[in-house]
């Protein structure tokens, strides 16, 4: 069996309009293994929305980090300030 699911929502990938929260919430509710979201992050709020509304276990992003749009340490502080568990 699978140890975790990395779900890349291709319609949202690279467009920076946010994760597909509805689909991610449905997948999270349907399985007992960890689910990692990928595709859609464009700002700090997208990450907060992901964790606060879906129960998802982790979130991936690339372009916002590679471009320097969102510095990782700054995102971690932002999430921690909202009581979202992060590794510091």
Protein backbone atom coordinates (compact mmCIF):
# COMPACT_ATOMS: atom_id res chain seq x y z
CA UNK A 1 0.00 0.00 0.00
CA UNK A 2 0.91 3.64 -0.17
CA UNK A 3 2.54 5.43 2.74
CA UNK A 4 1.22 8.83 1.70
CA UNK A 5 -0.47 10.59 -1.20
CA UNK A 6 1.04 13.61 -2.95
CA UNK A 7 -1.86 15.13 -4.84
CA UNK A 8 -0.90 17.61 -7.55
CA UNK A 9 -3.95 19.51 -8.78
CA UNK A 10 -2.80 20.16 -12.36
CA UNK A 11 -5.48 22.78 -13.07
CA UNK A 12 -4.05 24.87 -10.23
CA UNK A 13 -0.37 24.11 -10.76
CA UNK A 14 1.65 27.24 -11.51
CA UNK A 15 -1.29 29.64 -11.64
CA UNK A 16 -0.87 30.93 -8.05
CA UNK A 17 -4.62 31.20 -7.36
CA UNK A 18 -4.68 28.84 -4.41
CA UNK A 19 -5.00 25.13 -3.79
CA UNK A 20 -8.12 23.17 -4.79
CA UNK A 21 -9.43 23.11 -1.24
CA UNK A 22 -12.64 21.23 -2.02
CA UNK A 23 -10.88 18.35 -3.75
CA UNK A 24 -8.16 18.20 -1.10
CA UNK A 25 -10.70 18.12 1.73
CA UNK A 26 -12.59 15.26 0.04
CA UNK A 27 -9.39 13.22 -0.43
CA UNK A 28 -8.29 13.92 3.17
CA UNK A 29 -11.65 12.64 4.45
CA UNK A 30 -11.51 9.51 2.26
CA UNK A 31 -8.10 8.15 3.29
CA UNK A 32 -6.25 7.43 6.51
CA UNK A 33 -2.71 7.99 5.24
CA UNK A 34 -1.05 11.43 5.07
CA UNK A 35 -2.01 13.68 2.15
CA UNK A 36 0.38 16.28 0.76
CA UNK A 37 -1.10 19.05 -1.42
CA UNK A 38 0.65 20.41 -4.49
CA UNK A 39 -0.32 23.02 -7.05
CA UNK A 40 -1.70 26.50 -6.59
CA UNK A 41 0.18 28.39 -3.89
CA UNK A 42 0.54 32.06 -4.74
CA UNK A 43 0.59 33.90 -1.43
CA UNK A 44 0.81 33.40 2.32
CA UNK A 45 -2.97 33.13 2.74
CA UNK A 46 -3.15 30.17 0.35
CA UNK A 47 -1.00 28.15 2.74
CA UNK A 48 -3.07 29.17 5.77
CA UNK A 49 -6.30 28.33 3.94
CA UNK A 50 -4.88 24.93 3.00
CA UNK A 51 -4.11 23.90 6.56
CA UNK A 52 -7.04 25.62 8.27
CA UNK A 53 -9.79 24.27 6.00
CA UNK A 54 -8.72 20.85 4.73
CA UNK A 55 -6.98 18.94 7.52
CA UNK A 56 -4.21 18.24 5.01
CA UNK A 57 -0.86 17.00 6.32
CA UNK A 58 1.52 19.04 4.18
CA UNK A 59 1.75 21.49 1.34
CA UNK A 60 4.18 21.71 -1.56
CA UNK A 61 5.07 24.76 -3.59
CA UNK A 62 7.84 25.63 -6.00
CA UNK A 63 7.54 28.81 -8.04
CA UNK A 64 6.79 31.10 -5.08
CA UNK A 65 9.95 29.86 -3.38
CA UNK A 66 12.25 29.71 -6.40
CA UNK A 67 11.27 33.24 -7.46
CA UNK A 68 11.77 34.60 -3.94
CA UNK A 69 8.15 35.76 -3.83
CA UNK A 70 7.69 33.97 -0.49
CA UNK A 71 10.78 33.41 1.67
CA UNK A 72 10.42 30.06 3.46
CA UNK A 73 11.41 31.37 6.93
CA UNK A 74 8.83 34.15 6.59
CA UNK A 75 6.11 31.67 5.59
CA UNK A 76 6.95 29.46 8.57
CA UNK A 77 6.60 32.42 10.95
CA UNK A 78 3.31 33.42 9.27
CA UNK A 79 1.89 29.92 9.76
CA UNK A 80 3.23 29.58 13.29
CA UNK A 81 1.56 32.89 14.22
CA UNK A 82 -1.73 31.26 13.17
CA UNK A 83 -1.09 28.20 15.35
CA UNK A 84 -0.36 26.01 12.34
CA UNK A 85 2.34 23.48 13.19
CA UNK A 86 5.58 23.94 11.25
CA UNK A 87 9.14 22.68 11.55
CA UNK A 88 11.41 25.59 12.41
